């Protein structure tokens, strides 16, 4: 059984049809900021993307060149693998209806190629509520497929609480966990990280920057709940310097907690809800973070920018476009929604 409260379950469909704007953009940080001026002489660039699935794509998405160039500029790209990677779904009916996620290894490889993300630069979290949608065998098949593709993973018990990666001259720590599950707790136990409150300070040694990738908050709400913000404060107090969240399926604001930068929700990178998803759920974000590699400030965040984009439906797949490329009424609606979430940008 899932661990969602009843009030959450009852609100899912209304919020899917009309994502909530209940919140105050004025209490959050700008969508972009320069934190070190002048900038460091040496930097590495991290890119964080949202949930990845084939639900809204029967073939690989298209991607505008400017978005692909942005992703190619990163030294490391981190996202959430929202769907098990299987050749044949075991939950056939649920997969057909969209309640159980699945994608093939071929789809993922072609989709990543379309957006210009190379496997050696990519890290995917498996700590999410859908990771066991195709059962234990599907989880094992997913892990094996990502290994074949050369994609590193985080968020599993086997991988440990924090993965330490060399990114240029820096050591970057990556930690992932999910607060939500769609299956029994005993199935998640021993496989998927659900511990949001270990002693994170124990893992800051030996890394220049510790980043958290949580699957948290409630879906289809543009503003994080008070409980989510409180958890972000606990993570920041224990030395987590950068947080990039998932699960809401809509973009959420950025907050600065001391020296920690928090992007609460990046939306979907590839559509993970139904193919005919309402337009606010088609807005995603790519969080670009430049990190100092100078000897005196290794791991300090020099600058960040959340780049919004929109997934347009094109036949059996989606096209990722910059907001500036939109036209007419859709552009006005998207710009208005972004201003409501992030304030005047």
Protein backbone atom coordinates (compact mmCIF):
# COMPACT_ATOMS: atom_id res chain seq x y z
CA UNK A 1 0.00 0.00 0.00
CA UNK A 2 1.07 3.58 -0.63
CA UNK A 3 1.77 6.01 2.22
CA UNK A 4 -0.25 8.98 0.91
CA UNK A 5 -2.70 10.56 3.38
CA UNK A 6 -6.39 10.46 2.44
CA UNK A 7 -6.60 14.23 1.99
CA UNK A 8 -3.81 14.00 -0.57
CA UNK A 9 -5.53 11.21 -2.49
CA UNK A 10 -8.84 13.11 -2.59
CA UNK A 11 -7.14 16.24 -3.92
CA UNK A 12 -5.06 14.53 -6.61
CA UNK A 13 -7.48 14.81 -9.55
CA UNK A 14 -8.65 18.39 -8.85
CA UNK A 15 -5.05 19.55 -8.50
CA UNK A 16 -3.98 17.64 -11.64
CA UNK A 17 -6.71 19.40 -13.63
CA UNK A 18 -5.93 22.77 -12.03
CA UNK A 19 -2.55 23.01 -10.27
CA UNK A 20 -2.66 25.14 -7.15
CA UNK A 21 -1.12 28.60 -6.93
CA UNK A 22 -1.74 28.86 -3.20
CA UNK A 23 1.39 30.55 -1.85
CA UNK A 24 3.39 33.74 -1.79
CA UNK A 25 6.16 34.19 -4.34
CA UNK A 26 7.45 37.17 -2.37
CA UNK A 27 8.98 35.05 0.41
CA UNK A 28 11.23 33.14 -1.98
CA UNK A 29 14.46 33.93 -3.80
CA UNK A 30 14.91 35.19 -7.38
CA UNK A 31 14.86 32.68 -10.20
CA UNK A 32 18.54 33.55 -10.82
CA UNK A 33 21.34 35.10 -8.79
CA UNK A 34 25.08 35.76 -8.87
CA UNK A 35 26.51 34.89 -5.47
CA UNK A 36 30.20 35.50 -6.14
CA UNK A 37 31.31 38.74 -7.77
CA UNK A 38 33.80 38.68 -9.34
CA UNK A 39 33.23 35.07 -10.40
CA UNK A 40 35.80 32.39 -9.56
CA UNK A 41 38.59 31.83 -12.03
CA UNK A 42 37.70 28.13 -12.18
CA UNK A 43 34.20 26.63 -12.02
CA UNK A 44 32.27 23.46 -12.71
CA UNK A 45 28.68 23.52 -13.93
CA UNK A 46 25.92 21.31 -12.57
CA UNK A 47 22.54 20.90 -14.27
CA UNK A 48 19.48 19.47 -12.52
CA UNK A 49 16.43 18.33 -14.49
CA UNK A 50 13.05 17.02 -13.39
CA UNK A 51 11.22 13.71 -13.70
CA UNK A 52 11.92 11.48 -16.69
CA UNK A 53 9.36 9.06 -18.12
CA UNK A 54 7.89 7.85 -21.40
CA UNK A 55 4.25 8.26 -20.32
CA UNK A 56 3.59 11.21 -22.63
CA UNK A 57 6.01 10.10 -25.36
CA UNK A 58 5.70 7.07 -27.64
CA UNK A 59 8.85 8.17 -29.44
CA UNK A 60 11.80 10.26 -28.30
CA UNK A 61 11.08 13.94 -27.59
CA UNK A 62 12.37 16.69 -29.80
CA UNK A 63 14.51 19.38 -28.24
CA UNK A 64 15.18 22.92 -29.35
CA UNK A 65 18.92 23.51 -29.92
CA UNK A 66 19.19 26.19 -27.20
CA UNK A 67 18.02 23.72 -24.53
CA UNK A 68 20.37 21.01 -25.78
CA UNK A 69 23.25 23.50 -25.78
CA UNK A 70 22.43 24.47 -22.20
CA UNK A 71 22.56 20.84 -21.08
CA UNK A 72 25.73 20.21 -23.06
CA UNK A 73 27.41 23.06 -21.19
CA UNK A 74 27.13 21.16 -17.89
CA UNK A 75 29.88 19.00 -16.45
CA UNK A 76 27.26 16.88 -14.66
CA UNK A 77 23.51 16.43 -15.20
CA UNK A 78 21.28 15.03 -12.44
CA UNK A 79 17.66 13.94 -12.86
CA UNK A 80 15.00 11.56 -11.55
CA UNK A 81 14.26 8.27 -13.32
CA UNK A 82 10.51 8.30 -12.70
CA UNK A 83 9.79 5.09 -14.60
CA UNK A 84 11.15 1.56 -14.34
CA UNK A 85 13.12 0.56 -17.44
CA UNK A 86 11.65 -2.71 -18.70
CA UNK A 87 11.20 -4.35 -22.07
CA UNK A 88 7.79 -5.76 -21.18
CA UNK A 89 5.67 -4.32 -18.35
CA UNK A 90 4.47 -6.80 -15.76
CA UNK A 91 1.64 -4.47 -14.69
CA UNK A 92 0.11 -4.41 -18.17
CA UNK A 93 -3.27 -2.84 -17.40
CA UNK A 94 -1.89 -0.19 -15.04
CA UNK A 95 0.80 0.70 -17.55
CA UNK A 96 -1.77 1.10 -20.31
CA UNK A 97 -3.90 3.35 -18.07
CA UNK A 98 -0.88 5.40 -16.96
CA UNK A 99 -1.08 4.58 -13.25
CA UNK A 100 2.02 2.36 -13.50
CA UNK A 101 5.05 3.81 -15.19
CA UNK A 102 7.42 2.10 -17.59
CA UNK A 103 9.86 2.96 -20.35
CA UNK A 104 12.20 0.91 -22.48
CA UNK A 105 15.97 1.12 -22.50
CA UNK A 106 15.84 2.11 -26.15
CA UNK A 107 13.46 5.00 -25.44
CA UNK A 108 15.67 6.37 -22.69
CA UNK A 109 18.82 6.12 -24.83
CA UNK A 110 17.15 7.84 -27.79
CA UNK A 111 15.57 10.52 -25.60
CA UNK A 112 18.86 11.39 -23.94
CA UNK A 113 20.51 11.56 -27.34
CA UNK A 114 17.79 13.92 -28.55
CA UNK A 115 18.44 16.38 -25.72
CA UNK A 116 22.22 16.10 -25.91
CA UNK A 117 22.90 14.44 -22.54
CA UNK A 118 25.78 11.97 -22.68
CA UNK A 119 25.57 8.97 -20.36
CA UNK A 120 28.98 9.60 -18.77
CA UNK A 121 27.77 13.01 -17.55
CA UNK A 122 24.42 11.77 -16.25
CA UNK A 123 23.30 10.66 -12.79
CA UNK A 124 19.73 9.43 -12.23
CA UNK A 125 17.92 9.02 -8.92
CA UNK A 126 15.89 5.87 -8.35
CA UNK A 127 14.39 7.21 -5.12
CA UNK A 128 10.81 7.88 -6.17
CA UNK A 129 7.32 6.51 -5.67
CA UNK A 130 7.09 4.82 -9.09
CA UNK A 131 10.35 2.87 -9.02
CA UNK A 132 8.58 -0.39 -8.06
CA UNK A 133 5.64 0.03 -10.44
CA UNK A 134 6.78 -3.06 -12.35
CA UNK A 135 7.61 -5.07 -9.27
CA UNK A 136 10.91 -6.22 -7.84
CA UNK A 137 11.92 -7.79 -11.13
CA UNK A 138 11.29 -4.45 -12.83
CA UNK A 139 13.47 -2.68 -10.26
CA UNK A 140 16.30 -5.15 -10.90
CA UNK A 141 15.85 -4.76 -14.66
CA UNK A 142 16.04 -0.98 -14.28
CA UNK A 143 19.31 -1.12 -12.35
CA UNK A 144 20.79 -3.48 -14.96
CA UNK A 145 19.64 -1.30 -17.87
CA UNK A 146 21.20 1.84 -16.41
CA UNK A 147 24.46 0.00 -15.88
CA UNK A 148 24.45 -1.11 -19.52
CA UNK A 149 23.86 2.49 -20.59
CA UNK A 150 26.73 3.69 -18.41
CA UNK A 151 24.46 5.92 -16.31
CA UNK A 152 25.30 6.30 -12.62
CA UNK A 153 22.51 6.04 -10.05
CA UNK A 154 21.71 7.41 -6.61
CA UNK A 155 18.90 6.79 -4.15
CA UNK A 156 19.32 3.05 -3.62
CA UNK A 157 20.19 1.33 -0.36
CA UNK A 158 22.94 -0.59 -2.13
CA UNK A 159 24.58 2.64 -3.29
CA UNK A 160 24.67 4.12 0.22
CA UNK A 161 23.36 7.46 1.51
CA UNK A 162 25.82 9.62 -0.46
CA UNK A 163 27.57 9.04 -3.77
CA UNK A 164 30.85 10.91 -4.15
CA UNK A 165 31.65 11.93 -7.70
CA UNK A 166 34.68 13.66 -9.14
CA UNK A 167 33.48 16.55 -11.28
CA UNK A 168 36.49 18.33 -12.66
CA UNK A 169 38.71 19.17 -9.66
CA UNK A 170 35.78 19.00 -7.21
CA UNK A 171 34.29 16.18 -5.17
CA UNK A 172 30.50 16.44 -5.35
CA UNK A 173 28.32 14.45 -2.94
CA UNK A 174 24.86 13.39 -4.17
CA UNK A 175 22.13 12.08 -1.87
CA UNK A 176 18.61 11.07 -2.94
CA UNK A 177 15.56 9.90 -1.01
CA UNK A 178 11.80 9.65 -1.49
CA UNK A 179 9.13 10.51 1.04
CA UNK A 180 6.50 8.69 -1.04
CA UNK A 181 5.97 5.14 -2.22
CA UNK A 182 3.32 3.42 -4.31
CA UNK A 183 4.00 -0.03 -2.88
CA UNK A 184 4.30 -1.71 0.52
CA UNK A 185 7.04 -0.49 2.84
CA UNK A 186 8.62 -3.95 2.99
CA UNK A 187 9.15 -3.88 -0.79
CA UNK A 188 10.93 -0.51 -0.63
CA UNK A 189 13.00 -1.55 2.39
CA UNK A 190 16.47 -2.68 1.41
CA UNK A 191 16.12 -1.23 -2.09
CA UNK A 192 15.12 2.43 -2.14
CA UNK A 193 16.25 5.23 0.19
CA UNK A 194 13.41 6.74 2.21
CA UNK A 195 15.51 8.24 5.00
CA UNK A 196 15.20 12.02 4.84
CA UNK A 197 16.84 12.68 8.19
CA UNK A 198 20.08 10.78 8.65
CA UNK A 199 22.91 12.76 10.18
CA UNK A 200 23.81 14.49 6.93
CA UNK A 201 26.70 16.28 8.63
CA UNK A 202 28.50 12.91 8.77
CA UNK A 203 28.70 12.91 4.99
CA UNK A 204 30.08 16.38 4.40
CA UNK A 205 33.66 15.30 5.03
CA UNK A 206 35.62 14.68 1.86
CA UNK A 207 33.18 16.49 -0.42
CA UNK A 208 33.34 20.07 -1.62
CA UNK A 209 29.57 20.35 -2.08
CA UNK A 210 26.83 18.04 -0.77
CA UNK A 211 23.69 18.04 -2.93
CA UNK A 212 20.33 16.49 -2.05
CA UNK A 213 17.83 15.22 -4.62
CA UNK A 214 14.59 14.64 -2.68
CA UNK A 215 11.32 13.23 -4.02
CA UNK A 216 9.07 15.22 -1.71
CA UNK A 217 6.13 17.59 -1.38
CA UNK A 218 2.63 17.14 -2.86
CA UNK A 219 1.90 16.90 -6.57
CA UNK A 220 0.48 19.75 -8.67
CA UNK A 221 1.10 22.48 -6.10
CA UNK A 222 3.31 25.34 -7.27
CA UNK A 223 4.34 26.27 -3.74
CA UNK A 224 5.97 23.88 -1.27
CA UNK A 225 4.18 22.91 1.92
CA UNK A 226 5.43 24.20 5.28
CA UNK A 227 6.64 20.67 6.13
CA UNK A 228 8.75 20.59 2.98
CA UNK A 229 10.36 23.93 3.74
CA UNK A 230 11.08 22.79 7.31
CA UNK A 231 12.84 19.70 5.96
CA UNK A 232 14.89 21.91 3.63
CA UNK A 233 15.99 23.95 6.65
CA UNK A 234 17.08 20.79 8.49
CA UNK A 235 19.11 19.65 5.48
CA UNK A 236 20.75 23.07 5.16
CA UNK A 237 21.60 23.15 8.87
CA UNK A 238 23.46 19.86 8.47
CA UNK A 239 25.65 21.03 5.62
CA UNK A 240 23.66 20.26 2.48
CA UNK A 241 24.58 23.13 0.17
CA UNK A 242 22.26 22.51 -2.78
CA UNK A 243 18.81 20.88 -3.00
CA UNK A 244 16.93 20.09 -6.23
CA UNK A 245 13.55 18.47 -5.67
CA UNK A 246 11.04 16.42 -7.64
CA UNK A 247 7.54 14.92 -7.40
CA UNK A 248 5.30 18.00 -7.72
CA UNK A 249 5.23 17.73 -11.56
CA UNK A 250 4.99 21.53 -11.74
CA UNK A 251 7.69 24.13 -11.24
CA UNK A 252 8.16 25.46 -7.73
CA UNK A 253 10.15 28.45 -6.43
CA UNK A 254 13.75 28.78 -5.33
CA UNK A 255 14.77 29.57 -1.76
CA UNK A 256 18.08 30.52 -0.18
CA UNK A 257 18.66 29.26 3.36
CA UNK A 258 21.92 30.79 4.49
CA UNK A 259 24.42 29.57 1.92
CA UNK A 260 22.16 26.75 0.71
CA UNK A 261 20.20 27.05 -2.54
CA UNK A 262 16.92 25.11 -2.76
CA UNK A 263 14.99 24.50 -5.99
CA UNK A 264 11.85 22.92 -4.54
CA UNK A 265 10.48 21.43 -7.74
CA UNK A 266 11.71 21.27 -11.33
CA UNK A 267 8.55 19.81 -12.86
CA UNK A 268 8.78 17.13 -15.53
CA UNK A 269 11.71 16.91 -17.93
CA UNK A 270 9.95 14.34 -20.12
CA UNK A 271 6.20 14.15 -19.55
CA UNK A 272 5.33 11.73 -16.76
CA UNK A 273 1.59 12.34 -16.48
CA UNK A 274 -1.07 11.69 -19.08
CA UNK A 275 -0.39 12.63 -22.70
CA UNK A 276 -3.10 15.33 -22.62
CA UNK A 277 -1.81 16.96 -19.46
CA UNK A 278 -3.14 20.50 -18.74
CA UNK A 279 -0.74 23.25 -19.76
CA UNK A 280 0.60 24.30 -16.30
CA UNK A 281 2.04 20.79 -15.91
CA UNK A 282 3.88 21.20 -19.20
CA UNK A 283 6.18 23.84 -17.75
CA UNK A 284 9.50 22.42 -16.55
CA UNK A 285 12.75 23.86 -15.32
CA UNK A 286 16.47 23.19 -15.71
CA UNK A 287 18.50 24.36 -12.72
CA UNK A 288 22.00 25.45 -13.74
CA UNK A 289 24.46 25.92 -10.89
CA UNK A 290 28.02 27.18 -11.31
CA UNK A 291 30.28 26.01 -8.49
CA UNK A 292 33.65 27.48 -7.58
CA UNK A 293 36.68 25.28 -8.10
CA UNK A 294 39.14 27.92 -6.91
CA UNK A 295 41.55 26.82 -4.19
CA UNK A 296 40.15 29.26 -1.63
CA UNK A 297 36.43 28.60 -2.25
CA UNK A 298 36.00 25.01 -3.49
CA UNK A 299 32.33 23.98 -3.58
CA UNK A 300 30.91 27.49 -3.06
CA UNK A 301 27.96 28.28 -5.32
CA UNK A 302 29.01 31.12 -7.59
CA UNK A 303 25.73 31.55 -9.49
CA UNK A 304 22.50 29.78 -10.28
CA UNK A 305 19.66 30.15 -12.76
CA UNK A 306 16.47 28.19 -13.22
CA UNK A 307 15.69 28.01 -16.95
CA UNK A 308 11.98 27.39 -17.62
CA UNK A 309 10.87 25.55 -20.73
CA UNK A 310 7.64 24.05 -22.07
CA UNK A 311 6.83 20.61 -23.46
CA UNK A 312 4.58 20.94 -26.50
CA UNK A 313 2.58 17.96 -27.76
CA UNK A 314 3.61 16.91 -31.30
CA UNK A 315 1.93 13.74 -32.53
CA UNK A 316 3.13 10.83 -30.43
CA UNK A 317 5.85 12.76 -28.62
CA UNK A 318 6.76 16.09 -27.08
CA UNK A 319 8.95 18.99 -28.12
CA UNK A 320 10.97 20.88 -25.52
CA UNK A 321 10.95 24.61 -26.30
CA UNK A 322 12.17 27.75 -24.60
CA UNK A 323 9.47 30.04 -23.23
CA UNK A 324 10.72 32.81 -25.53
CA UNK A 325 9.82 30.67 -28.55
CA UNK A 326 6.15 30.39 -27.59
CA UNK A 327 3.55 32.51 -29.30
CA UNK A 328 0.06 33.85 -28.73
CA UNK A 329 -2.19 32.92 -25.83
CA UNK A 330 -0.02 30.04 -24.61
CA UNK A 331 2.98 32.33 -24.22
CA UNK A 332 0.91 34.80 -22.21
CA UNK A 333 -0.42 32.06 -19.94
CA UNK A 334 3.01 30.53 -19.36
CA UNK A 335 4.67 33.89 -18.63
CA UNK A 336 1.86 34.77 -16.25
CA UNK A 337 2.23 31.46 -14.41
CA UNK A 338 6.00 31.86 -14.11
CA UNK A 339 5.57 35.38 -12.74
CA UNK A 340 3.06 34.05 -10.20
CA UNK A 341 5.49 31.37 -9.02
CA UNK A 342 8.80 33.20 -9.20
CA UNK A 343 7.78 36.86 -9.06
CA UNK A 344 8.79 39.26 -11.80
CA UNK A 345 11.80 37.63 -13.43
